C-alpha atoms as a PDB file:
ATOM      1  CA  UNK A   1      31.689 -17.384  -7.096  1.00  0.00           C
ATOM      2  CA  UNK A   2      29.474 -19.231  -9.947  1.00  0.00           C
ATOM      3  CA  UNK A   3      26.904 -17.300 -11.396  1.00  0.00           C
ATOM      4  CA  UNK A   4      24.024 -19.533 -10.139  1.00  0.00           C
ATOM      5  CA  UNK A   5      25.400 -19.243  -6.336  1.00  0.00           C
ATOM      6  CA  UNK A   6      25.697 -15.368  -6.959  1.00  0.00           C
ATOM      7  CA  UNK A   7      21.749 -15.350  -7.935  1.00  0.00           C
ATOM      8  CA  UNK A   8      20.772 -17.475  -5.108  1.00  0.00           C
ATOM      9  CA  UNK A   9      23.031 -15.008  -2.645  1.00  0.00           C
ATOM     10  CA  UNK A  10      21.405 -11.792  -4.381  1.00  0.00           C
ATOM     11  CA  UNK A  11      17.668 -13.736  -4.060  1.00  0.00           C
ATOM     12  CA  UNK A  12      18.159 -14.110  -0.570  1.00  0.00           C
ATOM     13  CA  UNK A  13      19.312 -10.171   0.006  1.00  0.00           C
ATOM     14  CA  UNK A  14      16.410  -9.153  -2.035  1.00  0.00           C
ATOM     15  CA  UNK A  15      14.072 -11.403   0.165  1.00  0.00           C
ATOM     16  CA  UNK A  16      15.766 -10.285   3.684  1.00  0.00           C
ATOM     17  CA  UNK A  17      15.368  -6.666   2.381  1.00  0.00           C
ATOM     18  CA  UNK A  18      12.073  -6.759   1.178  1.00  0.00           C
ATOM     19  CA  UNK A  19      10.745  -8.353   4.736  1.00  0.00           C
ATOM     20  CA  UNK A  20      13.213  -6.008   6.931  1.00  0.00           C
ATOM     21  CA  UNK A  21      10.250  -3.465   7.326  1.00  0.00           C
ATOM     22  CA  UNK A  22       8.347  -5.999   9.339  1.00  0.00           C
ATOM     23  CA  UNK A  23      11.286  -6.973  11.802  1.00  0.00           C
ATOM     24  CA  UNK A  24       9.998  -5.549  15.404  1.00  0.00           C
ATOM     25  CA  UNK A  25      13.131  -4.697  17.194  1.00  0.00           C
ATOM     26  CA  UNK A  26      10.971  -4.297  20.430  1.00  0.00           C
ATOM     27  CA  UNK A  27      10.120  -8.226  20.350  1.00  0.00           C
ATOM     28  CA  UNK A  28      13.274  -9.620  18.907  1.00  0.00           C
ATOM     29  CA  UNK A  29      11.402 -11.169  15.870  1.00  0.00           C
ATOM     30  CA  UNK A  30       9.042 -10.394  13.068  1.00  0.00           C
ATOM     31  CA  UNK A  31       5.744  -9.423  13.138  1.00  0.00           C
ATOM     32  CA  UNK A  32       3.001 -11.593  12.087  1.00  0.00           C
ATOM     33  CA  UNK A  33       0.498  -9.405  10.389  1.00  0.00           C
ATOM     34  CA  UNK A  34      -2.054 -11.936  10.494  1.00  0.00           C
ATOM     35  CA  UNK A  35      -1.791 -12.420  14.374  1.00  0.00           C
ATOM     36  CA  UNK A  36      -1.952  -8.664  14.775  1.00  0.00           C
ATOM     37  CA  UNK A  37      -4.827  -8.330  12.697  1.00  0.00           C
ATOM     38  CA  UNK A  38      -6.763 -10.621  14.598  1.00  0.00           C
ATOM     39  CA  UNK A  39      -5.563  -9.451  18.225  1.00  0.00           C
ATOM     40  CA  UNK A  40      -6.428  -5.816  17.284  1.00  0.00           C
ATOM     41  CA  UNK A  41      -9.066  -5.781  14.390  1.00  0.00           C
ATOM     42  CA  UNK A  42     -10.618  -9.066  13.835  1.00  0.00           C
ATOM     43  CA  UNK A  43     -13.800  -8.435  16.690  1.00  0.00           C
ATOM     44  CA  UNK A  44     -15.023  -5.742  14.456  1.00  0.00           C
ATOM     45  CA  UNK A  45     -13.625  -6.382  10.993  1.00  0.00           C
ATOM     46  CA  UNK A  46     -13.895 -10.259  10.774  1.00  0.00           C
ATOM     47  CA  UNK A  47     -13.328 -11.482   7.481  1.00  0.00           C
ATOM     48  CA  UNK A  48     -13.274  -8.217   6.207  1.00  0.00           C
ATOM     49  CA  UNK A  49     -16.258  -6.896   7.096  1.00  0.00           C
ATOM     50  CA  UNK A  50     -17.229  -4.222   9.546  1.00  0.00           C
ATOM     51  CA  UNK A  51     -19.615  -5.001  12.326  1.00  0.00           C
ATOM     52  CA  UNK A  52     -20.282  -0.983  13.009  1.00  0.00           C
ATOM     53  CA  UNK A  53     -20.652   0.198   9.667  1.00  0.00           C
ATOM     54  CA  UNK A  54     -21.470  -2.159   6.990  1.00  0.00           C
ATOM     55  CA  UNK A  55     -20.826   0.248   4.513  1.00  0.00           C
ATOM     56  CA  UNK A  56     -16.772   0.732   5.337  1.00  0.00           C
ATOM     57  CA  UNK A  57     -15.620  -2.938   4.956  1.00  0.00           C
ATOM     58  CA  UNK A  58     -11.609  -3.526   4.799  1.00  0.00           C
ATOM     59  CA  UNK A  59     -12.863  -4.939   1.129  1.00  0.00           C
ATOM     60  CA  UNK A  60     -10.983  -2.796  -1.622  1.00  0.00           C
ATOM     61  CA  UNK A  61     -14.201  -1.167  -3.510  1.00  0.00           C
ATOM     62  CA  UNK A  62     -15.334   0.198   0.080  1.00  0.00           C
ATOM     63  CA  UNK A  63     -11.912   1.192   1.066  1.00  0.00           C
ATOM     64  CA  UNK A  64     -11.194   3.283  -2.350  1.00  0.00           C
ATOM     65  CA  UNK A  65     -14.707   4.435  -2.148  1.00  0.00           C
ATOM     66  CA  UNK A  66     -13.992   5.804   0.953  1.00  0.00           C
ATOM     67  CA  UNK A  67     -10.819   7.590   0.016  1.00  0.00           C
ATOM     68  CA  UNK A  68      -8.114   4.768   1.467  1.00  0.00           C
ATOM     69  CA  UNK A  69      -6.105   3.696  -1.035  1.00  0.00           C
ATOM     70  CA  UNK A  70      -2.690   2.672   0.506  1.00  0.00           C
ATOM     71  CA  UNK A  71      -1.377   1.051   3.777  1.00  0.00           C
ATOM     72  CA  UNK A  72      -0.390   5.049   5.040  1.00  0.00           C
ATOM     73  CA  UNK A  73      -4.022   5.926   4.580  1.00  0.00           C
ATOM     74  CA  UNK A  74      -4.762   2.645   6.796  1.00  0.00           C
ATOM     75  CA  UNK A  75      -2.404   3.693   9.368  1.00  0.00           C
ATOM     76  CA  UNK A  76      -3.683   7.491   9.762  1.00  0.00           C
ATOM     77  CA  UNK A  77      -7.254   5.783  10.277  1.00  0.00           C
ATOM     78  CA  UNK A  78      -5.832   3.681  12.679  1.00  0.00           C
ATOM     79  CA  UNK A  79      -4.465   6.487  14.543  1.00  0.00           C
ATOM     80  CA  UNK A  80      -6.986   8.896  13.869  1.00  0.00           C
ATOM     81  CA  UNK A  81     -10.138   6.975  13.125  1.00  0.00           C
ATOM     82  CA  UNK A  82     -13.507   8.318  12.727  1.00  0.00           C
ATOM     83  CA  UNK A  83     -16.948   7.506  14.812  1.00  0.00           C
ATOM     84  CA  UNK A  84     -17.169   3.711  15.842  1.00  0.00           C
ATOM     85  CA  UNK A  85     -13.650   2.663  15.739  1.00  0.00           C
ATOM     86  CA  UNK A  86     -11.153   2.255  18.217  1.00  0.00           C
ATOM     87  CA  UNK A  87      -8.112   4.739  18.394  1.00  0.00           C
ATOM     88  CA  UNK A  88      -4.965   2.506  18.141  1.00  0.00           C
ATOM     89  CA  UNK A  89      -2.099   4.856  19.925  1.00  0.00           C
ATOM     90  CA  UNK A  90       1.861   4.158  19.070  1.00  0.00           C
ATOM     91  CA  UNK A  91       2.162   2.848  22.806  1.00  0.00           C
ATOM     92  CA  UNK A  92      -0.599   0.026  21.685  1.00  0.00           C
ATOM     93  CA  UNK A  93       0.438  -0.833  18.218  1.00  0.00           C
ATOM     94  CA  UNK A  94       3.637   0.502  16.775  1.00  0.00           C
ATOM     95  CA  UNK A  95       4.280   2.262  13.673  1.00  0.00           C
ATOM     96  CA  UNK A  96       5.749  -1.053  12.111  1.00  0.00           C
ATOM     97  CA  UNK A  97       2.894  -3.191  13.835  1.00  0.00           C
ATOM     98  CA  UNK A  98       0.502  -0.683  12.141  1.00  0.00           C
ATOM     99  CA  UNK A  99       1.883  -1.100   8.651  1.00  0.00           C
ATOM    100  CA  UNK A 100       2.287  -4.538   8.959  1.00  0.00           C
ATOM    101  CA  UNK A 101      -1.293  -4.665   9.733  1.00  0.00           C
ATOM    102  CA  UNK A 102      -2.146  -1.992   6.771  1.00  0.00           C
ATOM    103  CA  UNK A 103      -0.663  -4.237   4.488  1.00  0.00           C
ATOM    104  CA  UNK A 104      -2.051  -7.428   5.391  1.00  0.00           C
ATOM    105  CA  UNK A 105      -5.574  -6.097   5.031  1.00  0.00           C
ATOM    106  CA  UNK A 106      -4.558  -4.745   1.407  1.00  0.00           C
ATOM    107  CA  UNK A 107      -3.294  -8.111   0.242  1.00  0.00           C
ATOM    108  CA  UNK A 108      -5.739 -10.202   2.355  1.00  0.00           C
ATOM    109  CA  UNK A 109      -9.334  -8.618   1.481  1.00  0.00           C
ATOM    110  CA  UNK A 110      -9.555  -7.636  -1.967  1.00  0.00           C
END
């Protein structure tokens, strides 16, 4: 196999591996994190804001000020939120969907 072809195959394999964590086996396709955010979060967190508590937006500085530094911290809050936020059970938002939403939040609302 030529070097160029080998590099292409390796890059494609890496890309597939990197996005594999967002595959939703229940639905048979990939999770659209933006759509999941819109469905479950945007009514209170439009544009990364917070209509219930403006001091707890999804902006990086506010997340960090409130001890939220990773996608795992966001999923933890989704599963066991404080006052004013809906609780998202695994039956309603799977672990894979929750992770996709959390990663989306960290990448989108800087």
